[in-house]
Amino acid sequence: MALITQRGNLAEIVAAELSARIESGLYGPGDKLPSSTQLCEEFGVSRTVIREAVASLRVAGRVIARQGAGVFVSDKDTKTLNFEFNRIDDIRSAMQILELRLGVELQSVGLAAARRTPEALAEIARAYDYLENLTTDDAEVEARADFDFHLAIAKATRNPHFPQFLEAVTGEISFDLVLKHRQSSGAYQTYLKKINKEHAAILAAITQGDVKGAKNALAQHLEESLVRYRAMLEEPLPAEIVD
């Protein structure tokens, strides 16, 4: 029987429950959390929800992930950045997250171009190829593939805080991405060709180590959505976009 009965963001509810268990001592320092499969069954949610909840706890310093071993409660409190956002369910909220995301990802893509390794480039290319060749009518699956491309770029920075940030706000970013992928058939095919071209330009610039080119390609990719959102909300454009 699913534990979750409240309305609201499922990942936030799961994260809050797991955090409460840590606070109460049910999961003590060094204890291993139940597996994703066990948590999915207990809470009655998907693996994506569990992944987002655990990512939130990691950013908050409550748990640590050990490769091949699982997720464990931190031995001591860790001071770390904690990102908390209201539930994203309207255009203004999506625009605000996109503004924040643009600032973070401009730095991320520049560092990725400067610090790229063969392994990192291969991961970005795999994410790009997967998205380009994906055939599905599920907007959420497409949105996740889109997100994974940007996550691979964040990992290429060799600064763990960039991918941790993106993972912490996966749900918020996904709302914007799902909006883009959930279009009428004709409009969507045009959109797919456009984003594939933009993603290809970003990948090419990173591959070539072109920091400025990577930033320009990323800015072009994200700023169009900002312009569209601001137009829908009838907000004035910032000077740097108007000029």
Protein backbone atom coordinates (compact mmCIF):
# COMPACT_ATOMS: atom_id res chain seq x y z
CA MET A 1 0.00 0.00 0.00
CA ALA A 2 1.47 3.36 -1.01
CA LEU A 3 2.62 5.54 1.85
CA ILE A 4 1.96 8.79 -0.01
CA THR A 5 -1.61 10.04 0.16
CA GLN A 6 -1.02 13.83 0.25
CA ARG A 7 -1.23 16.04 -2.78
CA GLY A 8 1.89 17.89 -3.92
CA ASN A 9 5.28 17.24 -5.42
CA LEU A 10 5.97 13.55 -4.86
CA ALA A 11 9.75 13.93 -4.77
CA GLU A 12 9.45 16.63 -2.10
CA ILE A 13 7.14 14.43 -0.02
CA VAL A 14 9.49 11.45 -0.24
CA ALA A 15 12.53 13.61 0.57
CA ALA A 16 10.73 15.10 3.58
CA GLU A 17 9.77 11.65 4.87
CA LEU A 18 13.28 10.26 4.46
CA SER A 19 14.72 13.37 6.11
CA ALA A 20 12.31 12.93 9.04
CA ARG A 21 13.48 9.33 9.46
CA ILE A 22 17.08 10.52 9.55
CA GLU A 23 16.17 13.20 12.11
CA SER A 24 14.39 10.65 14.31
CA GLY A 25 17.32 8.24 14.19
CA LEU A 26 15.43 5.54 12.31
CA TYR A 27 18.21 5.84 9.75
CA GLY A 28 21.33 6.61 11.76
CA PRO A 29 24.73 7.98 10.65
CA GLY A 30 26.37 5.51 8.30
CA ASP A 31 23.19 3.47 7.77
CA LYS A 32 22.35 2.39 4.25
CA LEU A 33 19.00 3.55 2.88
CA PRO A 34 16.64 0.96 1.42
CA SER A 35 17.19 0.26 -2.27
CA SER A 36 15.37 2.24 -4.97
CA THR A 37 13.19 -0.78 -5.64
CA GLN A 38 12.20 -1.02 -1.98
CA LEU A 39 11.48 2.70 -1.73
CA CYS A 40 9.45 2.67 -4.95
CA GLU A 41 7.31 -0.14 -3.56
CA GLU A 42 6.94 1.44 -0.13
CA PHE A 43 6.00 4.92 -1.35
CA GLY A 44 4.15 3.78 -4.47
CA VAL A 45 6.11 6.07 -6.77
CA SER A 46 8.42 5.76 -9.78
CA ARG A 47 12.20 5.45 -9.78
CA THR A 48 12.41 9.00 -11.14
CA VAL A 49 10.66 10.31 -8.02
CA ILE A 50 13.00 8.37 -5.74
CA ARG A 51 16.05 9.56 -7.70
CA GLU A 52 14.95 13.19 -7.38
CA ALA A 53 14.23 12.80 -3.65
CA VAL A 54 17.64 11.25 -2.98
CA ALA A 55 19.35 13.94 -5.10
CA SER A 56 17.69 16.57 -2.91
CA LEU A 57 18.99 14.85 0.25
CA ARG A 58 22.48 14.65 -1.26
CA VAL A 59 22.56 18.39 -2.01
CA ALA A 60 21.36 19.05 1.54
CA GLY A 61 24.23 16.92 2.85
CA ARG A 62 21.95 14.37 4.51
CA VAL A 63 23.14 11.36 2.49
CA ILE A 64 26.07 10.30 0.34
CA ALA A 65 26.11 7.91 -2.61
CA ARG A 66 28.85 5.30 -2.86
CA GLN A 67 29.46 3.85 -6.29
CA GLY A 68 28.18 0.29 -6.46
CA ALA A 69 27.30 0.21 -2.77
CA GLY A 70 24.21 2.37 -2.39
CA VAL A 71 23.13 5.50 -0.55
CA PHE A 72 24.15 6.08 3.07
CA VAL A 73 23.25 8.57 5.78
CA SER A 74 26.04 11.09 6.24
CA ASP A 75 28.19 10.53 9.32
CA LYS A 76 27.84 14.17 10.29
CA ASP A 77 25.96 17.24 9.15
CA THR A 78 27.49 18.75 6.07
CA LYS A 79 27.16 22.43 5.29
CA THR A 80 26.14 22.66 1.67
CA LEU A 81 23.98 24.69 -0.64
CA ASN A 82 20.34 23.76 -0.35
CA PHE A 83 18.02 24.69 -3.20
CA GLU A 84 14.36 24.93 -2.31
CA PHE A 85 11.75 25.97 -4.85
CA ASN A 86 8.00 26.17 -4.90
CA ARG A 87 6.23 23.64 -7.06
CA ILE A 88 6.61 24.58 -10.72
CA ASP A 89 3.19 24.58 -12.34
CA ASP A 90 2.86 27.83 -14.31
CA ILE A 91 4.65 29.81 -17.01
CA ARG A 92 6.06 32.47 -14.66
CA SER A 93 7.66 29.83 -12.43
CA ALA A 94 9.11 28.06 -15.48
CA MET A 95 10.53 31.36 -16.72
CA GLN A 96 12.14 32.10 -13.35
CA ILE A 97 13.81 28.68 -13.22
CA LEU A 98 14.98 29.09 -16.82
CA GLU A 99 16.57 32.44 -15.94
CA LEU A 100 18.48 30.79 -13.10
CA ARG A 101 19.34 27.80 -15.25
CA LEU A 102 20.73 30.03 -18.01
CA GLY A 103 23.15 31.69 -15.60
CA VAL A 104 24.38 28.36 -14.23
CA GLU A 105 24.60 26.54 -17.55
CA LEU A 106 26.48 29.34 -19.33
CA GLN A 107 29.33 28.83 -16.87
CA SER A 108 28.88 25.06 -17.01
CA VAL A 109 29.13 24.78 -20.80
CA GLY A 110 32.18 27.08 -20.86
CA LEU A 111 33.99 24.95 -18.30
CA ALA A 112 32.97 21.79 -20.14
CA ALA A 113 34.57 23.12 -23.33
CA ALA A 114 37.74 24.03 -21.44
CA ARG A 115 38.03 20.86 -19.33
CA ARG A 116 36.50 18.19 -21.56
CA THR A 117 38.01 14.71 -21.51
CA PRO A 118 37.50 11.94 -24.07
CA GLU A 119 35.25 10.14 -21.59
CA ALA A 120 33.16 13.25 -20.95
CA LEU A 121 32.82 13.95 -24.67
CA ALA A 122 31.70 10.37 -25.24
CA GLU A 123 28.99 10.72 -22.57
CA ILE A 124 27.71 13.98 -24.06
CA ALA A 125 27.70 12.44 -27.54
CA ARG A 126 25.79 9.39 -26.28
CA ALA A 127 23.17 11.63 -24.68
CA TYR A 128 22.91 13.64 -27.90
CA ASP A 129 22.57 10.53 -30.10
CA TYR A 130 19.95 9.04 -27.79
CA LEU A 131 17.81 12.18 -27.88
CA GLU A 132 18.21 12.65 -31.63
CA ASN A 133 17.17 9.07 -32.39
CA LEU A 134 14.46 8.78 -29.74
CA THR A 135 11.07 7.73 -31.10
CA THR A 136 8.28 8.05 -28.56
CA ASP A 137 5.07 9.98 -27.99
CA ASP A 138 5.82 10.33 -24.28
CA ALA A 139 6.75 13.98 -23.66
CA GLU A 140 8.17 13.15 -20.23
CA VAL A 141 10.55 10.55 -21.67
CA GLU A 142 11.71 13.05 -24.28
CA ALA A 143 12.11 15.75 -21.64
CA ARG A 144 14.28 13.42 -19.52
CA ALA A 145 16.49 12.66 -22.54
CA ASP A 146 16.82 16.39 -23.17
CA PHE A 147 17.73 16.95 -19.52
CA ASP A 148 20.33 14.15 -19.61
CA PHE A 149 22.14 15.92 -22.46
CA HIS A 150 22.54 19.03 -20.30
CA LEU A 151 23.46 16.90 -17.28
CA ALA A 152 26.28 15.26 -19.26
CA ILE A 153 27.63 18.72 -20.03
CA ALA A 154 27.49 19.63 -16.34
CA LYS A 155 29.46 16.51 -15.47
CA ALA A 156 32.12 17.45 -18.04
CA THR A 157 32.99 20.54 -15.96
CA ARG A 158 34.71 18.24 -13.43
CA ASN A 159 33.03 20.35 -10.75
CA PRO A 160 30.49 18.15 -8.92
CA HIS A 161 28.35 21.10 -7.87
CA PHE A 162 27.11 21.72 -11.42
CA PRO A 163 25.50 18.27 -11.92
CA GLN A 164 24.32 18.28 -8.29
CA PHE A 165 22.51 21.56 -8.92
CA LEU A 166 20.79 20.28 -12.05
CA GLU A 167 19.80 17.03 -10.34
CA ALA A 168 18.41 18.98 -7.39
CA VAL A 169 16.06 20.93 -9.66
CA THR A 170 15.23 18.12 -12.10
CA GLY A 171 11.51 18.44 -11.50
CA GLU A 172 11.49 22.19 -12.01
CA ILE A 173 13.50 21.98 -15.23
CA SER A 174 11.32 19.14 -16.48
CA PHE A 175 8.18 21.30 -16.41
CA ASP A 176 9.74 23.65 -18.96
CA LEU A 177 11.03 20.76 -21.08
CA VAL A 178 7.70 18.92 -21.07
CA LEU A 179 5.98 22.11 -22.25
CA LYS A 180 8.35 22.23 -25.21
CA HIS A 181 8.01 18.56 -26.08
CA ARG A 182 4.21 18.46 -25.69
CA GLN A 183 3.21 20.16 -28.94
CA SER A 184 1.04 19.37 -31.93
CA SER A 185 2.55 16.91 -34.39
CA GLY A 186 3.48 19.41 -37.11
CA ALA A 187 4.88 22.01 -34.74
CA TYR A 188 6.73 19.36 -32.77
CA GLN A 189 8.61 17.99 -35.78
CA THR A 190 9.80 21.52 -36.54
CA TYR A 191 10.79 21.98 -32.90
CA LEU A 192 12.71 18.67 -32.85
CA LYS A 193 14.77 19.64 -35.88
CA LYS A 194 15.53 22.98 -34.28
CA ILE A 195 16.70 21.67 -30.90
CA ASN A 196 18.71 18.89 -32.51
CA LYS A 197 20.53 21.53 -34.54
CA GLU A 198 21.11 23.63 -31.42
CA HIS A 199 22.32 20.63 -29.40
CA ALA A 200 24.65 19.69 -32.27
CA ALA A 201 26.14 23.21 -32.22
CA ILE A 202 26.71 22.98 -28.45
CA LEU A 203 28.34 19.55 -28.78
CA ALA A 204 30.55 20.70 -31.65
CA ALA A 205 31.80 23.74 -29.72
CA ILE A 206 32.59 21.66 -26.63
CA THR A 207 34.38 19.05 -28.77
CA GLN A 208 36.51 21.78 -30.35
CA GLY A 209 37.29 23.36 -26.98
CA ASP A 210 35.62 26.58 -28.12
CA VAL A 211 34.55 28.19 -24.84
CA LYS A 212 33.02 31.30 -26.40
CA GLY A 213 31.27 29.29 -29.10
CA ALA A 214 29.85 26.87 -26.54
CA LYS A 215 28.45 29.72 -24.45
CA ASN A 216 26.95 31.41 -27.50
CA ALA A 217 25.33 28.16 -28.65
CA LEU A 218 23.91 27.46 -25.20
CA ALA A 219 22.61 31.03 -24.85
CA GLN A 220 20.85 30.81 -28.21
CA HIS A 221 19.35 27.48 -27.18
CA LEU A 222 17.86 28.71 -23.89
CA GLU A 223 17.18 32.42 -24.46
CA GLU A 224 14.54 31.84 -27.12
CA SER A 225 12.34 30.15 -24.53
CA LEU A 226 12.87 33.08 -22.16
CA VAL A 227 11.85 35.53 -24.86
CA ARG A 228 8.73 33.46 -25.55
CA TYR A 229 7.78 33.25 -21.86
CA ARG A 230 8.30 36.98 -21.34
CA ALA A 231 6.16 37.75 -24.38
CA MET A 232 3.38 35.51 -23.01
CA LEU A 233 3.56 37.37 -19.70
CA GLU A 234 3.93 40.73 -21.46
CA GLU A 235 7.13 41.49 -19.56
CA PRO A 236 9.78 43.84 -21.00
CA LEU A 237 12.94 42.21 -22.33
CA PRO A 238 16.24 42.90 -20.56
CA ALA A 239 18.47 45.40 -22.38
CA GLU A 240 21.06 42.77 -23.36
CA ILE A 241 18.38 40.83 -25.26
CA VAL A 242 16.78 43.91 -26.85
CA ASP A 243 20.11 45.29 -28.14
